[in-house]
Amino acid sequence: MIPIEKTGIEELSFGDSKEDIFHILVNKQISPDGIDLEKLRLADPRNFDAALTSAGCIIMLNEIEIDELAKRGEIKKTDLHQSLYELASREGLL
């Protein structure tokens, strides 16, 4: 399992609406400086999931998904890093 200190949170936006803003839990062992957005933008859309995984993406949720999980009490928006880390752990992604 990856320790929380080896992860980080990044925000990726493709627009201004809630479905276009994503929060990504990143494996800093793979991408110590965070996800290279320029490289990600150049990725083949058919292989976008593979590009995210190779860039260190552990879990990626948009604002709508974040809001829904917060409403259900599964995450805390005030501590998104810890919450997404715990969610990824529960889901077996770490």
PDB file of N, CA and C in Angstrom:
ATOM      1  N   MET A   1       0.837  -1.180   0.000  1.00  0.00           N
ATOM      2  CA  MET A   1       0.000   0.000   0.000  1.00  0.00           C
ATOM      3  C   MET A   1       0.883   1.245   0.000  1.00  0.00           C
ATOM      4  N   ILE A   2       0.484   2.224  -0.738  1.00  0.00           N
ATOM      5  CA  ILE A   2       1.219   3.490  -0.840  1.00  0.00           C
ATOM      6  C   ILE A   2       0.894   4.337   0.398  1.00  0.00           C
ATOM      7  N   PRO A   3       1.902   4.833   1.110  1.00  0.00           N
ATOM      8  CA  PRO A   3       1.605   5.716   2.248  1.00  0.00           C
ATOM      9  C   PRO A   3       1.048   7.061   1.764  1.00  0.00           C
ATOM     10  N   ILE A   4       0.226   7.669   2.580  1.00  0.00           N
ATOM     11  CA  ILE A   4      -0.428   8.931   2.187  1.00  0.00           C
ATOM     12  C   ILE A   4       0.590  10.014   1.849  1.00  0.00           C
ATOM     13  N   GLU A   5       1.766   9.989   2.502  1.00  0.00           N
ATOM     14  CA  GLU A   5       2.793  11.000   2.228  1.00  0.00           C
ATOM     15  C   GLU A   5       3.320  10.900   0.796  1.00  0.00           C
ATOM     16  N   LYS A   6       3.129   9.752   0.164  1.00  0.00           N
ATOM     17  CA  LYS A   6       3.600   9.538  -1.212  1.00  0.00           C
ATOM     18  C   LYS A   6       2.493   9.816  -2.228  1.00  0.00           C
ATOM     19  N   THR A   7       1.401  10.456  -1.753  1.00  0.00           N
ATOM     20  CA  THR A   7       0.304  10.818  -2.645  1.00  0.00           C
ATOM     21  C   THR A   7       0.043  12.312  -2.537  1.00  0.00           C
ATOM     22  N   GLY A   8      -0.701  12.824  -3.481  1.00  0.00           N
ATOM     23  CA  GLY A   8      -1.091  14.224  -3.469  1.00  0.00           C
ATOM     24  C   GLY A   8      -2.384  14.402  -4.236  1.00  0.00           C
ATOM     25  N   ILE A   9      -2.954  15.580  -4.122  1.00  0.00           N
ATOM     26  CA  ILE A   9      -4.196  15.908  -4.833  1.00  0.00           C
ATOM     27  C   ILE A   9      -3.887  16.960  -5.894  1.00  0.00           C
ATOM     28  N   GLU A  10      -4.443  16.754  -7.061  1.00  0.00           N
ATOM     29  CA  GLU A  10      -4.324  17.744  -8.131  1.00  0.00           C
ATOM     30  C   GLU A  10      -5.703  18.011  -8.699  1.00  0.00           C
ATOM     31  N   GLU A  11      -5.872  19.204  -9.219  1.00  0.00           N
ATOM     32  CA  GLU A  11      -7.129  19.568  -9.876  1.00  0.00           C
ATOM     33  C   GLU A  11      -6.851  19.747 -11.352  1.00  0.00           C
ATOM     34  N   LEU A  12      -7.697  19.151 -12.158  1.00  0.00           N
ATOM     35  CA  LEU A  12      -7.587  19.229 -13.616  1.00  0.00           C
ATOM     36  C   LEU A  12      -8.916  19.748 -14.146  1.00  0.00           C
ATOM     37  N   SER A  13      -8.868  20.788 -14.949  1.00  0.00           N
ATOM     38  CA  SER A  13     -10.095  21.395 -15.445  1.00  0.00           C
ATOM     39  C   SER A  13     -10.108  21.410 -16.968  1.00  0.00           C
ATOM     40  N   PHE A  14     -11.233  20.959 -17.512  1.00  0.00           N
ATOM     41  CA  PHE A  14     -11.433  21.008 -18.956  1.00  0.00           C
ATOM     42  C   PHE A  14     -12.462  22.076 -19.313  1.00  0.00           C
ATOM     43  N   GLY A  15     -12.980  22.765 -18.307  1.00  0.00           N
ATOM     44  CA  GLY A  15     -13.997  23.793 -18.499  1.00  0.00           C
ATOM     45  C   GLY A  15     -14.409  24.345 -17.147  1.00  0.00           C
ATOM     46  N   ASP A  16     -15.525  25.061 -17.132  1.00  0.00           N
ATOM     47  CA  ASP A  16     -15.970  25.724 -15.908  1.00  0.00           C
ATOM     48  C   ASP A  16     -17.097  25.007 -15.177  1.00  0.00           C
ATOM     49  N   SER A  17     -17.760  24.059 -15.816  1.00  0.00           N
ATOM     50  CA  SER A  17     -18.875  23.375 -15.162  1.00  0.00           C
ATOM     51  C   SER A  17     -18.353  22.272 -14.232  1.00  0.00           C
ATOM     52  N   LYS A  18     -19.208  21.854 -13.308  1.00  0.00           N
ATOM     53  CA  LYS A  18     -18.804  20.866 -12.307  1.00  0.00           C
ATOM     54  C   LYS A  18     -18.353  19.542 -12.917  1.00  0.00           C
ATOM     55  N   GLU A  19     -18.933  19.168 -14.052  1.00  0.00           N
ATOM     56  CA  GLU A  19     -18.520  17.901 -14.660  1.00  0.00           C
ATOM     57  C   GLU A  19     -17.180  18.014 -15.390  1.00  0.00           C
ATOM     58  N   ASP A  20     -16.675  19.243 -15.535  1.00  0.00           N
ATOM     59  CA  ASP A  20     -15.405  19.466 -16.226  1.00  0.00           C
ATOM     60  C   ASP A  20     -14.221  19.677 -15.281  1.00  0.00           C
ATOM     61  N   ILE A  21     -14.489  19.699 -13.972  1.00  0.00           N
ATOM     62  CA  ILE A  21     -13.430  19.903 -12.984  1.00  0.00           C
ATOM     63  C   ILE A  21     -13.198  18.588 -12.250  1.00  0.00           C
ATOM     64  N   PHE A  22     -11.966  18.101 -12.304  1.00  0.00           N
ATOM     65  CA  PHE A  22     -11.623  16.803 -11.728  1.00  0.00           C
ATOM     66  C   PHE A  22     -10.598  16.952 -10.609  1.00  0.00           C
ATOM     67  N   HIS A  23     -10.738  16.113  -9.607  1.00  0.00           N
ATOM     68  CA  HIS A  23      -9.769  16.022  -8.519  1.00  0.00           C
ATOM     69  C   HIS A  23      -9.110  14.653  -8.642  1.00  0.00           C
ATOM     70  N   ILE A  24      -7.787  14.655  -8.640  1.00  0.00           N
ATOM     71  CA  ILE A  24      -7.027  13.426  -8.881  1.00  0.00           C
ATOM     72  C   ILE A  24      -6.136  13.131  -7.683  1.00  0.00           C
ATOM     73  N   LEU A  25      -6.228  11.911  -7.168  1.00  0.00           N
ATOM     74  CA  LEU A  25      -5.281  11.437  -6.171  1.00  0.00           C
ATOM     75  C   LEU A  25      -4.110  10.858  -6.950  1.00  0.00           C
ATOM     76  N   VAL A  26      -2.934  11.442  -6.747  1.00  0.00           N
ATOM     77  CA  VAL A  26      -1.755  11.118  -7.556  1.00  0.00           C
ATOM     78  C   VAL A  26      -0.721  10.364  -6.731  1.00  0.00           C
ATOM     79  N   ASN A  27      -0.133   9.336  -7.334  1.00  0.00           N
ATOM     80  CA  ASN A  27       0.987   8.612  -6.747  1.00  0.00           C
ATOM     81  C   ASN A  27       2.251   9.425  -7.030  1.00  0.00           C
ATOM     82  N   LYS A  28       2.788  10.069  -5.994  1.00  0.00           N
ATOM     83  CA  LYS A  28       3.968  10.935  -6.148  1.00  0.00           C
ATOM     84  C   LYS A  28       5.249  10.131  -6.399  1.00  0.00           C
ATOM     85  N   GLN A  29       5.200   8.814  -6.181  1.00  0.00           N
ATOM     86  CA  GLN A  29       6.359   7.983  -6.516  1.00  0.00           C
ATOM     87  C   GLN A  29       6.500   7.883  -8.032  1.00  0.00           C
ATOM     88  N   ILE A  30       5.393   7.944  -8.734  1.00  0.00           N
ATOM     89  CA  ILE A  30       5.412   7.886 -10.200  1.00  0.00           C
ATOM     90  C   ILE A  30       5.586   9.284 -10.784  1.00  0.00           C
ATOM     91  N   SER A  31       4.872  10.248 -10.233  1.00  0.00           N
ATOM     92  CA  SER A  31       4.928  11.639 -10.710  1.00  0.00           C
ATOM     93  C   SER A  31       5.245  12.574  -9.548  1.00  0.00           C
ATOM     94  N   PRO A  32       6.531  12.660  -9.163  1.00  0.00           N
ATOM     95  CA  PRO A  32       6.895  13.479  -7.999  1.00  0.00           C
ATOM     96  C   PRO A  32       6.532  14.954  -8.145  1.00  0.00           C
ATOM     97  N   ASP A  33       6.498  15.460  -9.366  1.00  0.00           N
ATOM     98  CA  ASP A  33       6.147  16.858  -9.596  1.00  0.00           C
ATOM     99  C   ASP A  33       4.691  17.020 -10.001  1.00  0.00           C
ATOM    100  N   GLY A  34       3.929  15.972  -9.855  1.00  0.00           N
ATOM    101  CA  GLY A  34       2.526  16.013 -10.259  1.00  0.00           C
ATOM    102  C   GLY A  34       2.353  15.558 -11.696  1.00  0.00           C
ATOM    103  N   ILE A  35       1.121  15.468 -12.094  1.00  0.00           N
ATOM    104  CA  ILE A  35       0.809  14.996 -13.442  1.00  0.00           C
ATOM    105  C   ILE A  35       1.184  16.070 -14.460  1.00  0.00           C
ATOM    106  N   ASP A  36       1.876  15.654 -15.505  1.00  0.00           N
ATOM    107  CA  ASP A  36       2.272  16.553 -16.589  1.00  0.00           C
ATOM    108  C   ASP A  36       1.046  16.774 -17.477  1.00  0.00           C
ATOM    109  N   LEU A  37       0.374  17.900 -17.283  1.00  0.00           N
ATOM    110  CA  LEU A  37      -0.870  18.168 -17.998  1.00  0.00           C
ATOM    111  C   LEU A  37      -0.670  18.300 -19.497  1.00  0.00           C
ATOM    112  N   GLU A  38       0.445  18.859 -19.910  1.00  0.00           N
ATOM    113  CA  GLU A  38       0.699  18.987 -21.348  1.00  0.00           C
ATOM    114  C   GLU A  38       0.823  17.608 -21.997  1.00  0.00           C
ATOM    115  N   LYS A  39       1.533  16.720 -21.351  1.00  0.00           N
ATOM    116  CA  LYS A  39       1.682  15.357 -21.872  1.00  0.00           C
ATOM    117  C   LYS A  39       0.324  14.653 -21.884  1.00  0.00           C
ATOM    118  N   LEU A  40      -0.455  14.892 -20.839  1.00  0.00           N
ATOM    119  CA  LEU A  40      -1.774  14.273 -20.748  1.00  0.00           C
ATOM    120  C   LEU A  40      -2.703  14.790 -21.845  1.00  0.00           C
ATOM    121  N   ARG A  41      -2.619  16.077 -22.138  1.00  0.00           N
ATOM    122  CA  ARG A  41      -3.459  16.661 -23.190  1.00  0.00           C
ATOM    123  C   ARG A  41      -3.132  16.080 -24.563  1.00  0.00           C
ATOM    124  N   LEU A  42      -1.893  15.633 -24.746  1.00  0.00           N
ATOM    125  CA  LEU A  42      -1.468  15.067 -26.027  1.00  0.00           C
ATOM    126  C   LEU A  42      -1.798  13.580 -26.155  1.00  0.00           C
ATOM    127  N   ALA A  43      -2.270  12.979 -25.084  1.00  0.00           N
ATOM    128  CA  ALA A  43      -2.560  11.541 -25.098  1.00  0.00           C
ATOM    129  C   ALA A  43      -3.703  11.225 -26.058  1.00  0.00           C
ATOM    130  N   ASP A  44      -3.613  10.081 -26.672  1.00  0.00           N
ATOM    131  CA  ASP A  44      -4.666   9.588 -27.558  1.00  0.00           C
ATOM    132  C   ASP A  44      -5.938   9.391 -26.725  1.00  0.00           C
ATOM    133  N   PRO A  45      -7.051  10.013 -27.096  1.00  0.00           N
ATOM    134  CA  PRO A  45      -8.289   9.879 -26.314  1.00  0.00           C
ATOM    135  C   PRO A  45      -8.729   8.433 -26.123  1.00  0.00           C
ATOM    136  N   ARG A  46      -8.383   7.562 -27.059  1.00  0.00           N
ATOM    137  CA  ARG A  46      -8.753   6.147 -26.934  1.00  0.00           C
ATOM    138  C   ARG A  46      -7.962   5.456 -25.833  1.00  0.00           C
ATOM    139  N   ASN A  47      -6.807   6.026 -25.465  1.00  0.00           N
ATOM    140  CA  ASN A  47      -5.951   5.440 -24.429  1.00  0.00           C
ATOM    141  C   ASN A  47      -5.803   6.374 -23.228  1.00  0.00           C
ATOM    142  N   PHE A  48      -6.796   7.234 -23.010  1.00  0.00           N
ATOM    143  CA  PHE A  48      -6.700   8.236 -21.958  1.00  0.00           C
ATOM    144  C   PHE A  48      -6.573   7.596 -20.571  1.00  0.00           C
ATOM    145  N   ASP A  49      -7.316   6.529 -20.318  1.00  0.00           N
ATOM    146  CA  ASP A  49      -7.220   5.844 -19.021  1.00  0.00           C
ATOM    147  C   ASP A  49      -5.817   5.303 -18.782  1.00  0.00           C
ATOM    148  N   ALA A  50      -5.223   4.728 -19.802  1.00  0.00           N
ATOM    149  CA  ALA A  50      -3.863   4.203 -19.675  1.00  0.00           C
ATOM    150  C   ALA A  50      -2.868   5.342 -19.447  1.00  0.00           C
ATOM    151  N   ALA A  51      -3.075   6.474 -20.110  1.00  0.00           N
ATOM    152  CA  ALA A  51      -2.196   7.629 -19.920  1.00  0.00           C
ATOM    153  C   ALA A  51      -2.307   8.153 -18.492  1.00  0.00           C
ATOM    154  N   LEU A  52      -3.516   8.194 -17.948  1.00  0.00           N
ATOM    155  CA  LEU A  52      -3.711   8.618 -16.556  1.00  0.00           C
ATOM    156  C   LEU A  52      -2.997   7.672 -15.595  1.00  0.00           C
ATOM    157  N   THR A  53      -3.167   6.390 -15.808  1.00  0.00           N
ATOM    158  CA  THR A  53      -2.534   5.394 -14.937  1.00  0.00           C
ATOM    159  C   THR A  53      -1.018   5.517 -14.995  1.00  0.00           C
ATOM    160  N   SER A  54      -0.458   5.656 -16.178  1.00  0.00           N
ATOM    161  CA  SER A  54       1.001   5.762 -16.299  1.00  0.00           C
ATOM    162  C   SER A  54       1.522   7.077 -15.722  1.00  0.00           C
ATOM    163  N   ALA A  55       0.639   8.083 -15.619  1.00  0.00           N
ATOM    164  CA  ALA A  55       1.028   9.374 -15.033  1.00  0.00           C
ATOM    165  C   ALA A  55       0.914   9.363 -13.512  1.00  0.00           C
ATOM    166  N   GLY A  56       0.402   8.268 -12.948  1.00  0.00           N
ATOM    167  CA  GLY A  56       0.313   8.156 -11.493  1.00  0.00           C
ATOM    168  C   GLY A  56      -1.059   8.404 -10.912  1.00  0.00           C
ATOM    169  N   CYS A  57      -2.086   8.475 -11.739  1.00  0.00           N
ATOM    170  CA  CYS A  57      -3.449   8.687 -11.252  1.00  0.00           C
ATOM    171  C   CYS A  57      -3.923   7.438 -10.514  1.00  0.00           C
ATOM    172  N   ILE A  58      -4.340   7.632  -9.264  1.00  0.00           N
ATOM    173  CA  ILE A  58      -4.893   6.534  -8.472  1.00  0.00           C
ATOM    174  C   ILE A  58      -6.414   6.544  -8.579  1.00  0.00           C
ATOM    175  N   ILE A  59      -7.000   7.720  -8.403  1.00  0.00           N
ATOM    176  CA  ILE A  59      -8.451   7.875  -8.515  1.00  0.00           C
ATOM    177  C   ILE A  59      -8.723   9.287  -9.023  1.00  0.00           C
ATOM    178  N   MET A  60      -9.751   9.421  -9.863  1.00  0.00           N
ATOM    179  CA  MET A  60     -10.091  10.717 -10.432  1.00  0.00           C
ATOM    180  C   MET A  60     -11.606  10.867 -10.387  1.00  0.00           C
ATOM    181  N   LEU A  61     -12.057  11.929  -9.740  1.00  0.00           N
ATOM    182  CA  LEU A  61     -13.490  12.185  -9.606  1.00  0.00           C
ATOM    183  C   LEU A  61     -13.793  13.625  -9.989  1.00  0.00           C
ATOM    184  N   ASN A  62     -14.939  13.839 -10.624  1.00  0.00           N
ATOM    185  CA  ASN A  62     -15.303  15.209 -10.950  1.00  0.00           C
ATOM    186  C   ASN A  62     -16.058  15.829  -9.777  1.00  0.00           C
ATOM    187  N   GLU A  63     -16.341  17.123  -9.876  1.00  0.00           N
ATOM    188  CA  GLU A  63     -16.998  17.857  -8.782  1.00  0.00           C
ATOM    189  C   GLU A  63     -18.357  17.275  -8.432  1.00  0.00           C
ATOM    190  N   ILE A  64     -19.100  16.806  -9.416  1.00  0.00           N
ATOM    191  CA  ILE A  64     -20.420  16.216  -9.159  1.00  0.00           C
ATOM    192  C   ILE A  64     -20.260  14.958  -8.313  1.00  0.00           C
ATOM    193  N   GLU A  65     -19.291  14.117  -8.661  1.00  0.00           N
ATOM    194  CA  GLU A  65     -19.046  12.892  -7.886  1.00  0.00           C
ATOM    195  C   GLU A  65     -18.568  13.221  -6.475  1.00  0.00           C
ATOM    196  N   ILE A  66     -17.708  14.233  -6.352  1.00  0.00           N
ATOM    197  CA  ILE A  66     -17.228  14.668  -5.038  1.00  0.00           C
ATOM    198  C   ILE A  66     -18.407  15.125  -4.179  1.00  0.00           C
ATOM    199  N   ASP A  67     -19.283  15.956  -4.752  1.00  0.00           N
ATOM    200  CA  ASP A  67     -20.453  16.444  -4.023  1.00  0.00           C
ATOM    201  C   ASP A  67     -21.344  15.286  -3.561  1.00  0.00           C
ATOM    202  N   GLU A  68     -21.569  14.320  -4.428  1.00  0.00           N
ATOM    203  CA  GLU A  68     -22.427  13.179  -4.085  1.00  0.00           C
ATOM    204  C   GLU A  68     -21.814  12.338  -2.967  1.00  0.00           C
ATOM    205  N   LEU A  69     -20.528  12.063  -3.051  1.00  0.00           N
ATOM    206  CA  LEU A  69     -19.859  11.295  -1.994  1.00  0.00           C
ATOM    207  C   LEU A  69     -19.869  12.050  -0.667  1.00  0.00           C
ATOM    208  N   ALA A  70     -19.730  13.365  -0.727  1.00  0.00           N
ATOM    209  CA  ALA A  70     -19.772  14.186   0.490  1.00  0.00           C
ATOM    210  C   ALA A  70     -21.177  14.157   1.098  1.00  0.00           C
ATOM    211  N   LYS A  71     -22.203  14.221   0.261  1.00  0.00           N
ATOM    212  CA  LYS A  71     -23.587  14.159   0.754  1.00  0.00           C
ATOM    213  C   LYS A  71     -23.858  12.843   1.472  1.00  0.00           C
ATOM    214  N   ARG A  72     -23.284  11.766   0.959  1.00  0.00           N
ATOM    215  CA  ARG A  72     -23.468  10.439   1.568  1.00  0.00           C
ATOM    216  C   ARG A  72     -22.583  10.228   2.793  1.00  0.00           C
ATOM    217  N   GLY A  73     -21.687  11.177   3.055  1.00  0.00           N
ATOM    218  CA  GLY A  73     -20.793  11.061   4.198  1.00  0.00           C
ATOM    219  C   GLY A  73     -19.596  10.153   3.954  1.00  0.00           C
ATOM    220  N   GLU A  74     -19.328   9.819   2.698  1.00  0.00           N
ATOM    221  CA  GLU A  74     -18.218   8.923   2.377  1.00  0.00           C
ATOM    222  C   GLU A  74     -16.884   9.656   2.296  1.00  0.00           C
ATOM    223  N   ILE A  75     -16.930  10.970   2.057  1.00  0.00           N
ATOM    224  CA  ILE A  75     -15.715  11.792   2.037  1.00  0.00           C
ATOM    225  C   ILE A  75     -16.017  13.133   2.697  1.00  0.00           C
ATOM    226  N   LYS A  76     -14.951  13.834   3.072  1.00  0.00           N
ATOM    227  CA  LYS A  76     -15.077  15.190   3.605  1.00  0.00           C
ATOM    228  C   LYS A  76     -14.407  16.138   2.620  1.00  0.00           C
ATOM    229  N   LYS A  77     -15.171  17.102   2.138  1.00  0.00           N
ATOM    230  CA  LYS A  77     -14.610  18.065   1.190  1.00  0.00           C
ATOM    231  C   LYS A  77     -13.560  18.957   1.847  1.00  0.00           C
ATOM    232  N   THR A  78     -13.621  19.099   3.181  1.00  0.00           N
ATOM    233  CA  THR A  78     -12.661  19.944   3.876  1.00  0.00           C
ATOM    234  C   THR A  78     -11.287  19.296   3.971  1.00  0.00           C
ATOM    235  N   ASP A  79     -11.218  17.990   3.824  1.00  0.00           N
ATOM    236  CA  ASP A  79      -9.942  17.267   3.833  1.00  0.00           C
ATOM    237  C   ASP A  79      -9.952  16.267   2.683  1.00  0.00           C
ATOM    238  N   LEU A  80      -9.953  16.810   1.478  1.00  0.00           N
ATOM    239  CA  LEU A  80     -10.108  15.991   0.285  1.00  0.00           C
ATOM    240  C   LEU A  80      -8.977  14.992   0.089  1.00  0.00           C
ATOM    241  N   HIS A  81      -7.756  15.398   0.383  1.00  0.00           N
ATOM    242  CA  HIS A  81      -6.617  14.489   0.221  1.00  0.00           C
ATOM    243  C   HIS A  81      -6.803  13.238   1.082  1.00  0.00           C
ATOM    244  N   GLN A  82      -7.017  13.432   2.370  1.00  0.00           N
ATOM    245  CA  GLN A  82      -7.215  12.306   3.288  1.00  0.00           C
ATOM    246  C   GLN A  82      -8.432  11.478   2.875  1.00  0.00           C
ATOM    247  N   SER A  83      -9.511  12.152   2.530  1.00  0.00           N
ATOM    248  CA  SER A  83     -10.744  11.456   2.164  1.00  0.00           C
ATOM    249  C   SER A  83     -10.586  10.604   0.913  1.00  0.00           C
ATOM    250  N   LEU A  84      -9.957  11.164  -0.122  1.00  0.00           N
ATOM    251  CA  LEU A  84      -9.771  10.375  -1.347  1.00  0.00           C
ATOM    252  C   LEU A  84      -8.780   9.242  -1.129  1.00  0.00           C
ATOM    253  N   TYR A  85      -7.789   9.479  -0.280  1.00  0.00           N
ATOM    254  CA  TYR A  85      -6.846   8.415   0.054  1.00  0.00           C
ATOM    255  C   TYR A  85      -7.579   7.261   0.734  1.00  0.00           C
ATOM    256  N   GLU A  86      -8.423   7.577   1.707  1.00  0.00           N
ATOM    257  CA  GLU A  86      -9.190   6.546   2.417  1.00  0.00           C
ATOM    258  C   GLU A  86     -10.165   5.837   1.481  1.00  0.00           C
ATOM    259  N   LEU A  87     -10.796   6.576   0.585  1.00  0.00           N
ATOM    260  CA  LEU A  87     -11.694   5.975  -0.398  1.00  0.00           C
ATOM    261  C   LEU A  87     -10.931   5.010  -1.308  1.00  0.00           C
ATOM    262  N   ALA A  88      -9.791   5.444  -1.794  1.00  0.00           N
ATOM    263  CA  ALA A  88      -8.973   4.579  -2.668  1.00  0.00           C
ATOM    264  C   ALA A  88      -8.537   3.328  -1.911  1.00  0.00           C
ATOM    265  N   SER A  89      -8.224   3.476  -0.640  1.00  0.00           N
ATOM    266  CA  SER A  89      -7.831   2.330   0.182  1.00  0.00           C
ATOM    267  C   SER A  89      -8.998   1.353   0.334  1.00  0.00           C
ATOM    268  N   ARG A  90     -10.183   1.872   0.646  1.00  0.00           N
ATOM    269  CA  ARG A  90     -11.375   1.016   0.797  1.00  0.00           C
ATOM    270  C   ARG A  90     -11.707   0.280  -0.501  1.00  0.00           C
ATOM    271  N   GLU A  91     -11.444   0.934  -1.603  1.00  0.00           N
ATOM    272  CA  GLU A  91     -11.759   0.350  -2.919  1.00  0.00           C
ATOM    273  C   GLU A  91     -10.644  -0.552  -3.448  1.00  0.00           C
ATOM    274  N   GLY A  92      -9.549  -0.682  -2.688  1.00  0.00           N
ATOM    275  CA  GLY A  92      -8.447  -1.560  -3.098  1.00  0.00           C
ATOM    276  C   GLY A  92      -7.575  -0.986  -4.206  1.00  0.00           C
ATOM    277  N   LEU A  93      -7.492   0.334  -4.300  1.00  0.00           N
ATOM    278  CA  LEU A  93      -6.730   0.960  -5.383  1.00  0.00           C
ATOM    279  C   LEU A  93      -5.300   1.299  -4.999  1.00  0.00           C
ATOM    280  N   LEU A  94      -4.955   1.145  -3.731  1.00  0.00           N
ATOM    281  CA  LEU A  94      -3.610   1.521  -3.288  1.00  0.00           C
ATOM    282  C   LEU A  94      -2.693   0.328  -3.228  1.00  0.00           C
TER     283      LEU A  94
END
